[in-house]
Amino acid sequence: MMKNKFISFEGVDGVGKTTQINLFLEKLEKLNFDYQLYREPGGTSLSERIREILLNNNNDISSITETLLFLSARSDLVDKNIIPLVKKGKSFIICDRFFDSTLAYQSYGRGINMDLVKIITDEILQNYIPSTTFLLDCDINLSLSRLNSKDRMESSGLEFLNKVKEGFLELALLDKNRYVIIDANNSISDIEESIWEHFSKRYLK
């Protein structure tokens, strides 16, 4: 068994995270497991308002302002929801994106100083990090083709998203125990099966 029931899903936009999270939650429900689902940015009333600002195509936001907004949204979510739930230890906590996204998008993608992001992130998290991070990784052109419409982050272009993709893979190499890389070029059912197989090995045996 892993040390906590906190699981995050990561990957560039269009890899199929939402689809796979929904399929994963269906399996948890069939086994009568308690869970809480959060998305980033979001998860609290304040964080959801920050999300609206961040993803609005009409907003001209500098890279450092963007980074600080993401960190502010996370701080509220962690303080109000994540830490209390991890301490209780009863429910699985499923997060659609977490701190790895800020490192991948803002540091690797936008070029924001990674040490700065990590210092603030460590202060926010207080070591309450996921025991498993599923990284859905696929070809960027494939992920872009899956997007019906693009929000402000998704509209940043191919070069930016390639930097983000490589950033995620570098982060995964730095934390092999936590990260599970899933080949998201495969079919939905194959991806679903792979995630559940890794989950079962980590939490059910």
Protein backbone atom coordinates (compact mmCIF):
# COMPACT_ATOMS: atom_id res chain seq x y z
CA MET A 1 0.00 0.00 0.00
CA MET A 2 1.14 3.54 -0.74
CA LYS A 3 1.66 6.12 2.00
CA ASN A 4 -1.46 8.13 1.08
CA LYS A 5 -4.48 7.95 -1.22
CA PHE A 6 -3.65 11.11 -3.12
CA ILE A 7 -3.40 10.61 -6.92
CA SER A 8 -2.81 13.22 -9.61
CA PHE A 9 -3.25 13.04 -13.37
CA GLU A 10 -0.94 15.10 -15.58
CA GLY A 11 -0.18 15.70 -19.24
CA VAL A 12 -0.41 18.32 -21.95
CA ASP A 13 -3.82 19.51 -23.08
CA GLY A 14 -5.60 17.00 -25.28
CA VAL A 15 -3.96 13.81 -23.98
CA GLY A 16 -7.31 12.54 -22.69
CA LYS A 17 -6.99 13.18 -18.97
CA THR A 18 -10.65 14.05 -18.42
CA THR A 19 -11.84 10.93 -20.23
CA GLN A 20 -9.46 8.69 -18.29
CA ILE A 21 -10.25 10.28 -14.93
CA ASN A 22 -13.96 9.68 -15.52
CA LEU A 23 -13.35 6.04 -16.44
CA PHE A 24 -11.10 5.63 -13.40
CA LEU A 25 -13.73 7.10 -11.08
CA GLU A 26 -16.34 4.71 -12.47
CA LYS A 27 -14.14 1.83 -11.34
CA LEU A 28 -13.67 3.35 -7.88
CA GLU A 29 -17.45 3.71 -7.57
CA LYS A 30 -18.02 0.06 -8.53
CA LEU A 31 -15.70 -0.94 -5.67
CA ASN A 32 -17.49 1.47 -3.31
CA PHE A 33 -14.32 3.47 -2.65
CA ASP A 34 -14.81 6.96 -1.28
CA TYR A 35 -13.15 9.65 -3.37
CA GLN A 36 -12.98 13.39 -3.91
CA LEU A 37 -12.21 14.86 -7.32
CA TYR A 38 -10.56 18.24 -7.78
CA ARG A 39 -9.29 20.11 -10.81
CA GLU A 40 -6.52 22.66 -11.05
CA PRO A 41 -6.82 25.51 -11.07
CA GLY A 42 -10.04 25.17 -9.08
CA GLY A 43 -11.53 23.12 -6.31
CA THR A 44 -12.60 26.01 -4.07
CA SER A 45 -14.79 29.03 -4.78
CA LEU A 46 -11.74 31.31 -4.79
CA SER A 47 -9.68 28.94 -6.95
CA GLU A 48 -12.51 28.59 -9.46
CA ARG A 49 -12.65 32.37 -9.83
CA ILE A 50 -8.90 32.42 -10.44
CA ARG A 51 -9.42 29.67 -13.06
CA GLU A 52 -11.83 31.88 -14.96
CA ILE A 53 -9.21 34.64 -15.11
CA LEU A 54 -6.40 32.30 -16.18
CA LEU A 55 -8.21 30.49 -18.98
CA ASN A 56 -10.03 33.45 -20.52
CA ASN A 57 -8.63 34.15 -23.98
CA ASN A 58 -9.42 37.86 -23.58
CA ASN A 59 -7.02 38.29 -20.66
CA ASP A 60 -3.49 39.49 -21.38
CA ILE A 61 -1.52 37.97 -18.50
CA SER A 62 2.26 38.08 -18.10
CA SER A 63 4.10 34.82 -17.42
CA ILE A 64 5.00 35.70 -13.82
CA THR A 65 1.46 36.90 -13.06
CA GLU A 66 0.11 33.68 -14.57
CA THR A 67 2.46 31.62 -12.41
CA LEU A 68 1.51 33.43 -9.21
CA LEU A 69 -2.20 33.03 -9.99
CA PHE A 70 -1.79 29.27 -10.44
CA LEU A 71 0.14 29.07 -7.17
CA SER A 72 -2.51 31.14 -5.37
CA ALA A 73 -5.28 28.87 -6.61
CA ARG A 74 -3.33 25.81 -5.46
CA SER A 75 -2.61 27.31 -2.06
CA ASP A 76 -6.32 27.72 -1.37
CA LEU A 77 -7.14 24.20 -2.59
CA VAL A 78 -4.36 22.57 -0.57
CA ASP A 79 -5.15 24.49 2.61
CA LYS A 80 -8.93 24.00 2.53
CA ASN A 81 -9.33 20.55 0.97
CA ILE A 82 -6.20 18.50 0.24
CA ILE A 83 -4.45 18.61 3.61
CA PRO A 84 -7.59 17.88 5.70
CA LEU A 85 -8.49 14.92 3.45
CA VAL A 86 -4.98 13.45 3.42
CA LYS A 87 -4.89 13.68 7.22
CA LYS A 88 -8.18 11.79 7.49
CA GLY A 89 -6.88 9.11 5.12
CA LYS A 90 -10.32 7.71 4.29
CA SER A 91 -10.98 8.96 0.76
CA PHE A 92 -9.00 8.74 -2.44
CA ILE A 93 -8.12 12.26 -3.56
CA ILE A 94 -8.03 12.55 -7.33
CA CYS A 95 -6.58 15.74 -8.77
CA ASP A 96 -6.83 16.71 -12.43
CA ARG A 97 -3.45 18.49 -12.55
CA PHE A 98 -1.37 19.48 -9.54
CA PHE A 99 2.00 21.13 -8.88
CA ASP A 100 3.80 19.29 -11.70
CA SER A 101 1.69 21.22 -14.19
CA THR A 102 3.04 24.54 -12.92
CA LEU A 103 6.61 23.29 -13.22
CA ALA A 104 5.97 21.93 -16.72
CA TYR A 105 3.89 24.81 -18.10
CA GLN A 106 5.32 27.83 -16.33
CA SER A 107 8.97 26.82 -15.74
CA TYR A 108 9.75 24.56 -18.71
CA GLY A 109 7.18 26.21 -20.99
CA ARG A 110 7.24 29.90 -20.05
CA GLY A 111 10.77 30.01 -18.64
CA ILE A 112 9.83 31.11 -15.12
CA ASN A 113 12.63 30.43 -12.61
CA MET A 114 12.10 26.87 -11.40
CA ASP A 115 13.79 27.39 -8.04
CA LEU A 116 11.36 30.22 -7.31
CA VAL A 117 8.36 28.06 -8.23
CA LYS A 118 9.66 25.16 -6.14
CA ILE A 119 10.26 27.32 -3.06
CA ILE A 120 6.70 28.69 -3.12
CA THR A 121 5.31 25.24 -3.98
CA ASP A 122 7.09 23.61 -1.03
CA GLU A 123 5.65 26.26 1.28
CA ILE A 124 2.15 25.60 -0.06
CA LEU A 125 2.30 21.80 -0.05
CA GLN A 126 4.02 21.14 3.30
CA ASN A 127 4.99 17.69 1.95
CA TYR A 128 1.37 16.78 1.14
CA ILE A 129 2.09 15.46 -2.33
CA PRO A 130 0.48 12.67 -4.38
CA SER A 131 1.78 9.15 -3.83
CA THR A 132 1.10 8.49 -7.53
CA THR A 133 1.12 10.79 -10.55
CA PHE A 134 -0.19 9.32 -13.79
CA LEU A 135 1.47 11.15 -16.68
CA LEU A 136 -0.45 10.69 -19.91
CA ASP A 137 2.08 11.22 -22.67
CA CYS A 138 1.36 11.31 -26.39
CA ASP A 139 2.38 12.95 -29.65
CA ILE A 140 1.68 16.70 -29.50
CA ASN A 141 -0.02 16.81 -32.89
CA LEU A 142 -2.34 14.03 -31.76
CA SER A 143 -3.19 15.84 -28.54
CA LEU A 144 -3.87 19.09 -30.41
CA SER A 145 -6.16 17.27 -32.84
CA ARG A 146 -8.27 16.11 -29.89
CA LEU A 147 -9.03 19.66 -28.73
CA ASN A 148 -12.39 20.98 -29.90
CA SER A 149 -11.77 24.54 -28.76
CA LYS A 150 -8.72 26.12 -27.16
CA ASP A 151 -8.58 28.15 -23.95
CA ARG A 152 -5.82 30.68 -23.24
CA MET A 153 -3.31 28.04 -22.12
CA GLU A 154 -4.07 25.67 -24.99
CA SER A 155 -3.66 28.49 -27.54
CA SER A 156 0.03 28.99 -26.73
CA GLY A 157 1.25 27.06 -29.76
CA LEU A 158 3.08 23.90 -30.77
CA GLU A 159 6.57 24.98 -29.65
CA PHE A 160 5.29 25.87 -26.18
CA LEU A 161 3.41 22.59 -25.78
CA ASN A 162 6.47 20.61 -26.91
CA LYS A 163 8.48 22.31 -24.14
CA VAL A 164 5.74 21.36 -21.67
CA LYS A 165 5.70 17.74 -22.86
CA GLU A 166 9.49 17.47 -22.47
CA GLY A 167 9.22 19.17 -19.07
CA PHE A 168 6.78 16.55 -17.82
CA LEU A 169 9.07 13.74 -19.00
CA GLU A 170 12.06 15.32 -17.25
CA LEU A 171 10.04 15.66 -14.04
CA ALA A 172 9.05 12.00 -14.32
CA LEU A 173 12.69 10.96 -14.54
CA LEU A 174 13.44 12.94 -11.38
CA ASP A 175 10.72 11.17 -9.38
CA LYS A 176 10.37 7.63 -10.72
CA ASN A 177 8.68 6.25 -7.61
CA ARG A 178 5.78 8.69 -7.83
CA TYR A 179 5.38 9.01 -11.58
CA VAL A 180 3.74 6.41 -13.81
CA ILE A 181 4.08 7.26 -17.51
CA ILE A 182 1.10 6.09 -19.57
CA ASP A 183 1.31 5.88 -23.37
CA ALA A 184 -1.64 8.04 -24.40
CA ASN A 185 -1.11 7.34 -28.11
CA ASN A 186 -3.02 4.10 -27.48
CA SER A 187 -6.77 3.52 -27.59
CA ILE A 188 -8.98 4.81 -24.78
CA SER A 189 -9.58 1.29 -23.51
CA ASP A 190 -5.86 0.40 -23.56
CA ILE A 191 -5.01 3.57 -21.62
CA GLU A 192 -7.80 2.85 -19.13
CA GLU A 193 -6.55 -0.71 -18.61
CA SER A 194 -2.95 0.43 -18.11
CA ILE A 195 -3.93 3.03 -15.49
CA TRP A 196 -6.04 0.54 -13.56
CA GLU A 197 -3.32 -2.11 -13.66
CA HIS A 198 -0.80 0.30 -12.11
CA PHE A 199 -3.36 1.54 -9.60
CA SER A 200 -4.18 -2.02 -8.52
CA LYS A 201 -0.52 -2.89 -7.99
CA ARG A 202 0.04 0.22 -5.91
CA TYR A 203 -3.10 0.38 -3.80
CA LEU A 204 -5.02 -2.90 -3.85
CA LYS A 205 -2.30 -5.50 -3.22
